[in-house]
Amino acid sequence: MAPCGSILVTRLYNKENCESNLPEFFGSTYSFVQKVRDPSLKALLQDEDTLTEAAIEAMASRFLAQVKDGTWGEQGWPKVWTDYSVSKLALNAYSRLLARRLQARGARVSVNCFCPGFTRTDMTKGWGKRTAEEVADVGARLALLPPAELPTGTFFKWCTPQLYSKL
């Protein structure tokens, strides 16, 4: 299990019609838009009407170019675990885009992010509040909510939907 959560992609059918191998992507509270200090970057990530795959890719390319030329530090990127945070910003933005796109098509699929918090894994050198087993249990329970109760485009921090994440 990943240390910082996953986007939960779940088909909104009964168990018999679900595919058993659901894709998982990893998100984190390090990716909260509030951690971005650049106003234009923050605006890009929060504008649901103009958010596109191209805009997300441009954001990631901008970061990589600034890392290459050594200017990323003063460009308004998150200060803590910057490279990790930027990858999660892109992933969470893409999950919102995917949730919106699938919902507009009438697809019976839910896309949500799940961040269990600091979890004891190899990445954290065994430190953390929760075990991987505890995290897997909560993640599975969220993914297997009945269709009538399963949201889309929601960011869960542990078991709680977080409105301020803009997901």
N, C-alpha and C. Protein backbone atom coordinates (compact mmCIF):
# COMPACT_ATOMS: atom_id res chain seq x y z
N MET A 1 0.85 -1.18 0.00
CA MET A 1 0.00 0.00 0.00
C MET A 1 0.88 1.23 0.00
N ALA A 2 0.48 2.23 -0.72
CA ALA A 2 1.26 3.47 -0.83
C ALA A 2 1.14 4.28 0.45
N PRO A 3 2.16 5.07 0.76
CA PRO A 3 2.15 5.82 1.99
C PRO A 3 1.19 6.98 2.01
N CYS A 4 0.77 7.47 0.88
CA CYS A 4 0.00 8.71 0.89
C CYS A 4 -1.33 8.65 0.17
N GLY A 5 -1.85 7.49 -0.11
CA GLY A 5 -3.22 7.41 -0.58
C GLY A 5 -3.35 7.06 -2.04
N SER A 6 -4.59 7.04 -2.51
CA SER A 6 -4.81 6.71 -3.90
C SER A 6 -6.12 7.29 -4.38
N ILE A 7 -6.16 7.51 -5.67
CA ILE A 7 -7.42 7.90 -6.29
C ILE A 7 -8.23 6.62 -6.37
N LEU A 8 -9.43 6.69 -5.89
CA LEU A 8 -10.29 5.52 -5.93
C LEU A 8 -11.16 5.60 -7.17
N VAL A 9 -10.97 4.68 -8.09
CA VAL A 9 -11.76 4.64 -9.31
C VAL A 9 -12.64 3.40 -9.21
N THR A 10 -13.93 3.61 -9.11
CA THR A 10 -14.84 2.52 -8.85
C THR A 10 -16.02 2.55 -9.81
N ARG A 11 -16.31 1.45 -10.43
CA ARG A 11 -17.49 1.36 -11.28
C ARG A 11 -18.72 1.36 -10.39
N LEU A 12 -19.74 2.10 -10.79
CA LEU A 12 -20.95 2.22 -9.98
C LEU A 12 -21.97 1.14 -10.38
N TYR A 13 -21.59 -0.09 -10.25
CA TYR A 13 -22.45 -1.22 -10.52
C TYR A 13 -22.47 -2.10 -9.28
N ASN A 14 -23.25 -3.15 -9.33
CA ASN A 14 -23.19 -4.06 -8.19
C ASN A 14 -21.90 -4.86 -8.26
N LYS A 15 -21.58 -5.56 -7.17
CA LYS A 15 -20.29 -6.27 -7.07
C LYS A 15 -20.06 -7.25 -8.23
N GLU A 16 -21.11 -7.92 -8.67
CA GLU A 16 -20.94 -8.93 -9.71
C GLU A 16 -20.46 -8.32 -11.03
N ASN A 17 -20.79 -7.05 -11.27
CA ASN A 17 -20.41 -6.40 -12.53
C ASN A 17 -19.14 -5.59 -12.43
N CYS A 18 -18.53 -5.52 -11.25
CA CYS A 18 -17.30 -4.73 -11.09
C CYS A 18 -16.11 -5.50 -11.64
N GLU A 19 -15.17 -4.76 -12.21
CA GLU A 19 -13.91 -5.37 -12.59
C GLU A 19 -13.08 -5.50 -11.33
N SER A 20 -12.37 -6.59 -11.18
CA SER A 20 -11.63 -6.81 -9.94
C SER A 20 -10.34 -6.02 -9.87
N ASN A 21 -9.76 -5.65 -10.99
CA ASN A 21 -8.50 -4.92 -10.98
C ASN A 21 -8.75 -3.44 -11.21
N LEU A 22 -9.04 -2.72 -10.13
CA LEU A 22 -9.28 -1.28 -10.24
C LEU A 22 -7.95 -0.55 -10.29
N PRO A 23 -7.80 0.44 -11.16
CA PRO A 23 -6.55 1.19 -11.21
C PRO A 23 -6.37 2.02 -9.95
N GLU A 24 -5.13 2.17 -9.49
CA GLU A 24 -4.85 3.02 -8.35
C GLU A 24 -3.80 4.04 -8.72
N PHE A 25 -4.01 5.25 -8.27
CA PHE A 25 -3.06 6.34 -8.43
C PHE A 25 -2.84 6.92 -7.04
N PHE A 26 -1.71 7.54 -6.79
CA PHE A 26 -1.39 7.96 -5.44
C PHE A 26 -1.42 9.47 -5.29
N GLY A 27 -2.19 9.95 -4.31
CA GLY A 27 -2.32 11.36 -4.03
C GLY A 27 -1.89 11.65 -2.60
N SER A 28 -1.92 12.92 -2.20
CA SER A 28 -1.40 13.27 -0.89
C SER A 28 -1.90 14.63 -0.47
N THR A 29 -1.94 14.86 0.85
CA THR A 29 -2.26 16.20 1.32
C THR A 29 -1.13 17.17 1.01
N TYR A 30 0.05 16.66 0.64
CA TYR A 30 1.11 17.55 0.18
C TYR A 30 0.70 18.23 -1.12
N SER A 31 -0.34 17.75 -1.74
CA SER A 31 -0.78 18.31 -3.01
C SER A 31 -1.90 19.33 -2.85
N PHE A 32 -2.24 19.72 -1.62
CA PHE A 32 -3.28 20.73 -1.45
C PHE A 32 -2.86 22.02 -2.14
N VAL A 33 -3.78 22.60 -2.88
CA VAL A 33 -3.53 23.83 -3.61
C VAL A 33 -3.05 24.94 -2.67
N GLN A 34 -3.49 24.91 -1.42
CA GLN A 34 -3.10 25.94 -0.46
C GLN A 34 -1.59 25.98 -0.25
N LYS A 35 -0.89 24.91 -0.57
CA LYS A 35 0.56 24.87 -0.38
C LYS A 35 1.31 25.55 -1.53
N VAL A 36 0.60 25.92 -2.59
CA VAL A 36 1.19 26.60 -3.73
C VAL A 36 1.22 28.10 -3.43
N ARG A 37 2.39 28.72 -3.61
CA ARG A 37 2.53 30.15 -3.29
C ARG A 37 2.39 31.05 -4.50
N ASP A 38 2.49 30.52 -5.72
CA ASP A 38 2.37 31.31 -6.94
C ASP A 38 0.89 31.51 -7.27
N PRO A 39 0.39 32.77 -7.26
CA PRO A 39 -1.04 33.02 -7.51
C PRO A 39 -1.52 32.52 -8.87
N SER A 40 -0.70 32.63 -9.91
CA SER A 40 -1.15 32.18 -11.23
C SER A 40 -1.26 30.66 -11.29
N LEU A 41 -0.34 29.98 -10.64
CA LEU A 41 -0.39 28.52 -10.58
C LEU A 41 -1.59 28.06 -9.75
N LYS A 42 -1.82 28.72 -8.64
CA LYS A 42 -2.97 28.41 -7.79
C LYS A 42 -4.28 28.61 -8.57
N ALA A 43 -4.36 29.71 -9.32
CA ALA A 43 -5.56 29.99 -10.12
C ALA A 43 -5.77 28.90 -11.17
N LEU A 44 -4.70 28.49 -11.84
CA LEU A 44 -4.79 27.43 -12.84
C LEU A 44 -5.38 26.16 -12.23
N LEU A 45 -4.87 25.77 -11.07
CA LEU A 45 -5.30 24.52 -10.43
C LEU A 45 -6.72 24.60 -9.86
N GLN A 46 -7.20 25.80 -9.58
CA GLN A 46 -8.53 25.94 -8.99
C GLN A 46 -9.62 26.24 -10.00
N ASP A 47 -9.28 26.60 -11.22
CA ASP A 47 -10.28 26.97 -12.22
C ASP A 47 -10.79 25.72 -12.94
N GLU A 48 -11.88 25.20 -12.44
CA GLU A 48 -12.43 23.95 -12.97
C GLU A 48 -12.85 24.09 -14.44
N ASP A 49 -13.21 25.29 -14.87
CA ASP A 49 -13.68 25.48 -16.24
C ASP A 49 -12.56 25.44 -17.27
N THR A 50 -11.34 25.82 -16.87
CA THR A 50 -10.24 25.86 -17.84
C THR A 50 -9.19 24.78 -17.60
N LEU A 51 -9.37 23.97 -16.56
CA LEU A 51 -8.40 22.91 -16.27
C LEU A 51 -8.47 21.84 -17.36
N THR A 52 -7.33 21.59 -17.98
CA THR A 52 -7.23 20.59 -19.05
C THR A 52 -5.99 19.74 -18.83
N GLU A 53 -5.92 18.63 -19.55
CA GLU A 53 -4.71 17.82 -19.49
C GLU A 53 -3.51 18.62 -19.94
N ALA A 54 -3.68 19.43 -20.98
CA ALA A 54 -2.57 20.25 -21.48
C ALA A 54 -2.09 21.24 -20.41
N ALA A 55 -3.01 21.82 -19.66
CA ALA A 55 -2.63 22.76 -18.61
C ALA A 55 -1.87 22.05 -17.48
N ILE A 56 -2.31 20.84 -17.16
CA ILE A 56 -1.62 20.05 -16.12
C ILE A 56 -0.22 19.68 -16.60
N GLU A 57 -0.12 19.23 -17.84
CA GLU A 57 1.19 18.89 -18.40
C GLU A 57 2.10 20.11 -18.48
N ALA A 58 1.53 21.28 -18.81
CA ALA A 58 2.33 22.51 -18.87
C ALA A 58 2.85 22.88 -17.49
N MET A 59 2.03 22.67 -16.47
CA MET A 59 2.45 22.94 -15.10
C MET A 59 3.65 22.05 -14.74
N ALA A 60 3.54 20.77 -15.02
CA ALA A 60 4.63 19.85 -14.70
C ALA A 60 5.89 20.19 -15.51
N SER A 61 5.72 20.53 -16.77
CA SER A 61 6.87 20.91 -17.61
C SER A 61 7.52 22.19 -17.11
N ARG A 62 6.71 23.13 -16.66
CA ARG A 62 7.24 24.38 -16.10
C ARG A 62 8.10 24.09 -14.87
N PHE A 63 7.60 23.22 -14.01
CA PHE A 63 8.36 22.85 -12.82
C PHE A 63 9.69 22.20 -13.21
N LEU A 64 9.65 21.25 -14.12
CA LEU A 64 10.87 20.55 -14.53
C LEU A 64 11.88 21.52 -15.15
N ALA A 65 11.40 22.46 -15.95
CA ALA A 65 12.30 23.44 -16.56
C ALA A 65 12.95 24.32 -15.48
N GLN A 66 12.15 24.69 -14.47
CA GLN A 66 12.69 25.53 -13.39
C GLN A 66 13.66 24.76 -12.50
N VAL A 67 13.42 23.46 -12.34
CA VAL A 67 14.39 22.64 -11.60
C VAL A 67 15.69 22.59 -12.39
N LYS A 68 15.58 22.39 -13.69
CA LYS A 68 16.77 22.29 -14.54
C LYS A 68 17.61 23.56 -14.51
N ASP A 69 16.93 24.72 -14.52
CA ASP A 69 17.70 25.98 -14.51
C ASP A 69 17.95 26.53 -13.11
N GLY A 70 17.50 25.79 -12.08
CA GLY A 70 17.79 26.17 -10.71
C GLY A 70 16.94 27.29 -10.13
N THR A 71 15.83 27.63 -10.78
CA THR A 71 15.01 28.75 -10.30
C THR A 71 13.74 28.32 -9.58
N TRP A 72 13.50 27.04 -9.43
CA TRP A 72 12.24 26.57 -8.86
C TRP A 72 12.01 27.09 -7.44
N GLY A 73 13.04 27.30 -6.66
CA GLY A 73 12.91 27.70 -5.27
C GLY A 73 12.17 29.00 -5.06
N GLU A 74 12.31 29.93 -5.99
CA GLU A 74 11.64 31.22 -5.83
C GLU A 74 10.41 31.36 -6.72
N GLN A 75 9.91 30.26 -7.25
CA GLN A 75 8.80 30.32 -8.20
C GLN A 75 7.43 29.99 -7.60
N GLY A 76 7.33 29.82 -6.29
CA GLY A 76 6.03 29.62 -5.66
C GLY A 76 5.55 28.20 -5.54
N TRP A 77 6.44 27.24 -5.78
CA TRP A 77 6.06 25.83 -5.62
C TRP A 77 5.98 25.49 -4.13
N PRO A 78 5.31 24.39 -3.77
CA PRO A 78 5.27 24.01 -2.35
C PRO A 78 6.69 23.87 -1.79
N LYS A 79 6.87 24.24 -0.53
CA LYS A 79 8.20 24.24 0.08
C LYS A 79 8.63 22.88 0.61
N VAL A 80 7.69 22.04 0.99
CA VAL A 80 8.00 20.76 1.62
C VAL A 80 7.86 19.65 0.59
N TRP A 81 8.88 18.77 0.51
CA TRP A 81 8.89 17.64 -0.43
C TRP A 81 8.44 18.13 -1.80
N THR A 82 9.08 19.14 -2.32
CA THR A 82 8.60 19.86 -3.50
C THR A 82 8.34 18.95 -4.70
N ASP A 83 9.30 18.11 -5.07
CA ASP A 83 9.09 17.26 -6.24
C ASP A 83 7.91 16.31 -6.04
N TYR A 84 7.84 15.72 -4.86
CA TYR A 84 6.72 14.82 -4.52
C TYR A 84 5.40 15.59 -4.56
N SER A 85 5.38 16.77 -3.96
CA SER A 85 4.17 17.59 -3.90
C SER A 85 3.68 17.98 -5.29
N VAL A 86 4.59 18.37 -6.16
CA VAL A 86 4.20 18.78 -7.51
C VAL A 86 3.62 17.59 -8.28
N SER A 87 4.21 16.42 -8.12
CA SER A 87 3.65 15.25 -8.81
C SER A 87 2.24 14.96 -8.31
N LYS A 88 2.00 15.18 -7.02
CA LYS A 88 0.67 14.94 -6.46
C LYS A 88 -0.32 16.04 -6.84
N LEU A 89 0.18 17.29 -6.98
CA LEU A 89 -0.68 18.37 -7.49
C LEU A 89 -1.21 17.99 -8.87
N ALA A 90 -0.31 17.51 -9.72
CA ALA A 90 -0.70 17.11 -11.07
C ALA A 90 -1.69 15.94 -11.03
N LEU A 91 -1.42 14.98 -10.19
CA LEU A 91 -2.29 13.81 -10.10
C LEU A 91 -3.67 14.18 -9.58
N ASN A 92 -3.73 15.00 -8.53
CA ASN A 92 -5.03 15.40 -8.00
C ASN A 92 -5.80 16.26 -8.99
N ALA A 93 -5.11 17.13 -9.72
CA ALA A 93 -5.77 17.94 -10.75
C ALA A 93 -6.33 17.02 -11.83
N TYR A 94 -5.54 16.04 -12.25
CA TYR A 94 -6.02 15.12 -13.28
C TYR A 94 -7.21 14.30 -12.78
N SER A 95 -7.21 13.92 -11.51
CA SER A 95 -8.35 13.15 -11.00
C SER A 95 -9.62 13.99 -11.02
N ARG A 96 -9.53 15.29 -10.72
CA ARG A 96 -10.71 16.16 -10.81
C ARG A 96 -11.19 16.25 -12.24
N LEU A 97 -10.24 16.40 -13.16
CA LEU A 97 -10.58 16.48 -14.57
C LEU A 97 -11.25 15.18 -15.03
N LEU A 98 -10.69 14.05 -14.66
CA LEU A 98 -11.26 12.76 -15.04
C LEU A 98 -12.65 12.57 -14.45
N ALA A 99 -12.84 12.92 -13.18
CA ALA A 99 -14.16 12.79 -12.54
C ALA A 99 -15.19 13.64 -13.29
N ARG A 100 -14.82 14.87 -13.61
CA ARG A 100 -15.74 15.77 -14.32
C ARG A 100 -16.06 15.24 -15.72
N ARG A 101 -15.02 14.76 -16.42
CA ARG A 101 -15.20 14.25 -17.78
C ARG A 101 -16.12 13.02 -17.80
N LEU A 102 -15.87 12.09 -16.90
CA LEU A 102 -16.69 10.87 -16.85
C LEU A 102 -18.12 11.18 -16.44
N GLN A 103 -18.28 12.08 -15.50
CA GLN A 103 -19.63 12.46 -15.06
C GLN A 103 -20.41 13.11 -16.20
N ALA A 104 -19.74 13.96 -16.99
CA ALA A 104 -20.40 14.63 -18.12
C ALA A 104 -20.84 13.63 -19.18
N ARG A 105 -20.10 12.53 -19.32
CA ARG A 105 -20.44 11.49 -20.30
C ARG A 105 -21.52 10.54 -19.78
N GLY A 106 -21.88 10.71 -18.52
CA GLY A 106 -22.86 9.81 -17.93
C GLY A 106 -22.28 8.46 -17.54
N ALA A 107 -20.95 8.38 -17.50
CA ALA A 107 -20.31 7.12 -17.13
C ALA A 107 -20.61 6.78 -15.69
N ARG A 108 -20.78 5.51 -15.43
CA ARG A 108 -21.08 5.05 -14.08
C ARG A 108 -19.77 4.67 -13.38
N VAL A 109 -18.89 5.68 -13.28
CA VAL A 109 -17.58 5.50 -12.66
C VAL A 109 -17.38 6.66 -11.70
N SER A 110 -16.79 6.37 -10.56
CA SER A 110 -16.49 7.38 -9.57
C SER A 110 -14.98 7.51 -9.43
N VAL A 111 -14.49 8.75 -9.38
CA VAL A 111 -13.06 9.00 -9.22
C VAL A 111 -12.88 9.87 -7.98
N ASN A 112 -12.18 9.35 -6.99
CA ASN A 112 -11.95 10.07 -5.74
C ASN A 112 -10.50 9.89 -5.31
N CYS A 113 -10.00 10.85 -4.55
CA CYS A 113 -8.66 10.73 -3.98
C CYS A 113 -8.78 10.36 -2.51
N PHE A 114 -7.84 9.57 -2.07
CA PHE A 114 -7.81 9.11 -0.68
C PHE A 114 -6.40 9.30 -0.15
N CYS A 115 -6.29 10.08 0.91
CA CYS A 115 -5.00 10.27 1.57
C CYS A 115 -5.13 9.77 3.01
N PRO A 116 -4.47 8.67 3.33
CA PRO A 116 -4.58 8.13 4.69
C PRO A 116 -3.71 8.84 5.70
N GLY A 117 -2.87 9.75 5.24
CA GLY A 117 -1.95 10.41 6.16
C GLY A 117 -0.64 9.64 6.25
N PHE A 118 0.13 9.97 7.24
CA PHE A 118 1.47 9.41 7.45
C PHE A 118 1.34 7.94 7.81
N THR A 119 1.74 7.07 6.88
CA THR A 119 1.55 5.62 7.02
C THR A 119 2.89 4.92 7.11
N ARG A 120 2.97 3.93 7.98
CA ARG A 120 4.21 3.17 8.17
C ARG A 120 4.49 2.31 6.93
N THR A 121 5.49 2.73 6.17
CA THR A 121 5.91 2.00 4.97
C THR A 121 7.42 2.11 4.84
N ASP A 122 7.97 1.49 3.81
CA ASP A 122 9.40 1.63 3.54
C ASP A 122 9.75 3.08 3.24
N MET A 123 8.85 3.79 2.56
CA MET A 123 9.13 5.18 2.20
C MET A 123 9.30 6.05 3.46
N THR A 124 8.57 5.73 4.52
CA THR A 124 8.64 6.51 5.75
C THR A 124 9.59 5.87 6.77
N LYS A 125 10.34 4.87 6.31
CA LYS A 125 11.29 4.14 7.17
C LYS A 125 10.60 3.56 8.41
N GLY A 126 9.36 3.11 8.21
CA GLY A 126 8.62 2.46 9.29
C GLY A 126 7.93 3.42 10.25
N TRP A 127 8.05 4.71 10.02
CA TRP A 127 7.38 5.68 10.87
C TRP A 127 5.99 5.96 10.32
N GLY A 128 5.07 6.36 11.16
CA GLY A 128 3.74 6.73 10.70
C GLY A 128 2.68 6.43 11.74
N LYS A 129 1.53 7.00 11.53
CA LYS A 129 0.40 6.86 12.46
C LYS A 129 -0.37 5.55 12.26
N ARG A 130 -0.37 5.05 11.03
CA ARG A 130 -1.21 3.90 10.70
C ARG A 130 -0.39 2.83 9.99
N THR A 131 -0.87 1.61 10.09
CA THR A 131 -0.24 0.52 9.34
C THR A 131 -0.81 0.49 7.92
N ALA A 132 -0.09 -0.15 7.04
CA ALA A 132 -0.58 -0.31 5.67
C ALA A 132 -1.89 -1.10 5.65
N GLU A 133 -2.04 -2.05 6.56
CA GLU A 133 -3.27 -2.84 6.63
C GLU A 133 -4.47 -1.97 7.01
N GLU A 134 -4.28 -1.06 7.98
CA GLU A 134 -5.37 -0.15 8.38
C GLU A 134 -5.76 0.74 7.20
N VAL A 135 -4.77 1.23 6.50
CA VAL A 135 -5.01 2.10 5.35
C VAL A 135 -5.75 1.35 4.25
N ALA A 136 -5.31 0.13 3.97
CA ALA A 136 -5.96 -0.68 2.93
C ALA A 136 -7.41 -0.94 3.28
N ASP A 137 -7.71 -1.18 4.55
CA ASP A 137 -9.08 -1.43 4.98
C ASP A 137 -9.97 -0.20 4.72
N VAL A 138 -9.50 0.97 5.11
CA VAL A 138 -10.31 2.18 4.91
C VAL A 138 -10.45 2.48 3.42
N GLY A 139 -9.36 2.37 2.66
CA GLY A 139 -9.43 2.60 1.22
C GLY A 139 -10.41 1.67 0.53
N ALA A 140 -10.39 0.41 0.91
CA ALA A 140 -11.32 -0.57 0.32
C ALA A 140 -12.76 -0.24 0.71
N ARG A 141 -12.98 0.14 1.97
CA ARG A 141 -14.35 0.49 2.40
C ARG A 141 -14.87 1.70 1.63
N LEU A 142 -14.02 2.69 1.39
CA LEU A 142 -14.46 3.85 0.61
C LEU A 142 -14.77 3.46 -0.83
N ALA A 143 -13.90 2.65 -1.43
CA ALA A 143 -14.10 2.23 -2.82
C ALA A 143 -15.33 1.36 -3.00
N LEU A 144 -15.71 0.65 -1.95
CA LEU A 144 -16.84 -0.29 -2.06
C LEU A 144 -18.13 0.25 -1.47
N LEU A 145 -18.21 1.57 -1.27
CA LEU A 145 -19.47 2.17 -0.82
C LEU A 145 -20.57 1.84 -1.82
N PRO A 146 -21.81 1.69 -1.37
CA PRO A 146 -22.90 1.46 -2.32
C PRO A 146 -22.99 2.61 -3.32
N PRO A 147 -23.37 2.32 -4.55
CA PRO A 147 -23.41 3.36 -5.58
C PRO A 147 -24.15 4.63 -5.16
N ALA A 148 -25.23 4.51 -4.43
CA ALA A 148 -25.98 5.69 -4.01
C ALA A 148 -25.20 6.57 -3.03
N GLU A 149 -24.21 6.00 -2.35
CA GLU A 149 -23.43 6.74 -1.37
C GLU A 149 -22.04 7.14 -1.87
N LEU A 150 -21.64 6.68 -3.04
CA LEU A 150 -20.29 6.90 -3.54
C LEU A 150 -20.22 8.20 -4.34
N PRO A 151 -19.48 9.19 -3.83
CA PRO A 151 -19.35 10.45 -4.57
C PRO A 151 -18.34 10.33 -5.69
N THR A 152 -18.17 11.39 -6.46
CA THR A 152 -17.09 11.47 -7.43
C THR A 152 -16.48 12.86 -7.34
N GLY A 153 -15.17 12.94 -7.58
CA GLY A 153 -14.48 14.21 -7.49
C GLY A 153 -14.26 14.68 -6.06
N THR A 154 -14.15 13.75 -5.13
CA THR A 154 -13.99 14.08 -3.72
C THR A 154 -12.61 13.68 -3.23
N PHE A 155 -12.04 14.51 -2.37
CA PHE A 155 -10.76 14.19 -1.75
C PHE A 155 -11.04 13.76 -0.32
N PHE A 156 -10.66 12.53 0.02
CA PHE A 156 -10.83 12.02 1.38
C PHE A 156 -9.50 12.07 2.11
N LYS A 157 -9.48 12.76 3.23
CA LYS A 157 -8.32 12.71 4.12
C LYS A 157 -8.73 11.77 5.23
N TRP A 158 -8.11 10.58 5.22
CA TRP A 158 -8.51 9.44 6.02
C TRP A 158 -9.94 9.11 5.65
N CYS A 159 -10.92 9.24 6.53
CA CYS A 159 -12.31 8.88 6.20
C CYS A 159 -13.19 10.10 5.92
N THR A 160 -12.61 11.28 5.94
CA THR A 160 -13.41 12.50 5.89
C THR A 160 -13.24 13.23 4.56
N PRO A 161 -14.37 13.53 3.89
CA PRO A 161 -14.27 14.35 2.68
C PRO A 161 -13.74 15.74 3.07
N GLN A 162 -12.82 16.26 2.26
CA GLN A 162 -12.22 17.56 2.54
C GLN A 162 -12.67 18.56 1.49
N LEU A 163 -13.45 19.53 1.88
CA LEU A 163 -13.95 20.51 0.94
C LEU A 163 -12.86 21.46 0.48
N TYR A 164 -11.91 21.77 1.34
CA TYR A 164 -10.92 22.78 1.00
C TYR A 164 -9.86 22.31 0.03
N SER A 165 -9.86 21.05 -0.35
CA SER A 165 -8.84 20.57 -1.29
C SER A 165 -9.18 20.95 -2.72
N LYS A 166 -10.38 21.43 -2.98
CA LYS A 166 -10.85 21.77 -4.31
C LYS A 166 -10.91 20.56 -5.22
N LEU A 167 -10.98 19.38 -4.68
CA LEU A 167 -11.11 18.19 -5.51
C LEU A 167 -12.58 17.94 -5.76
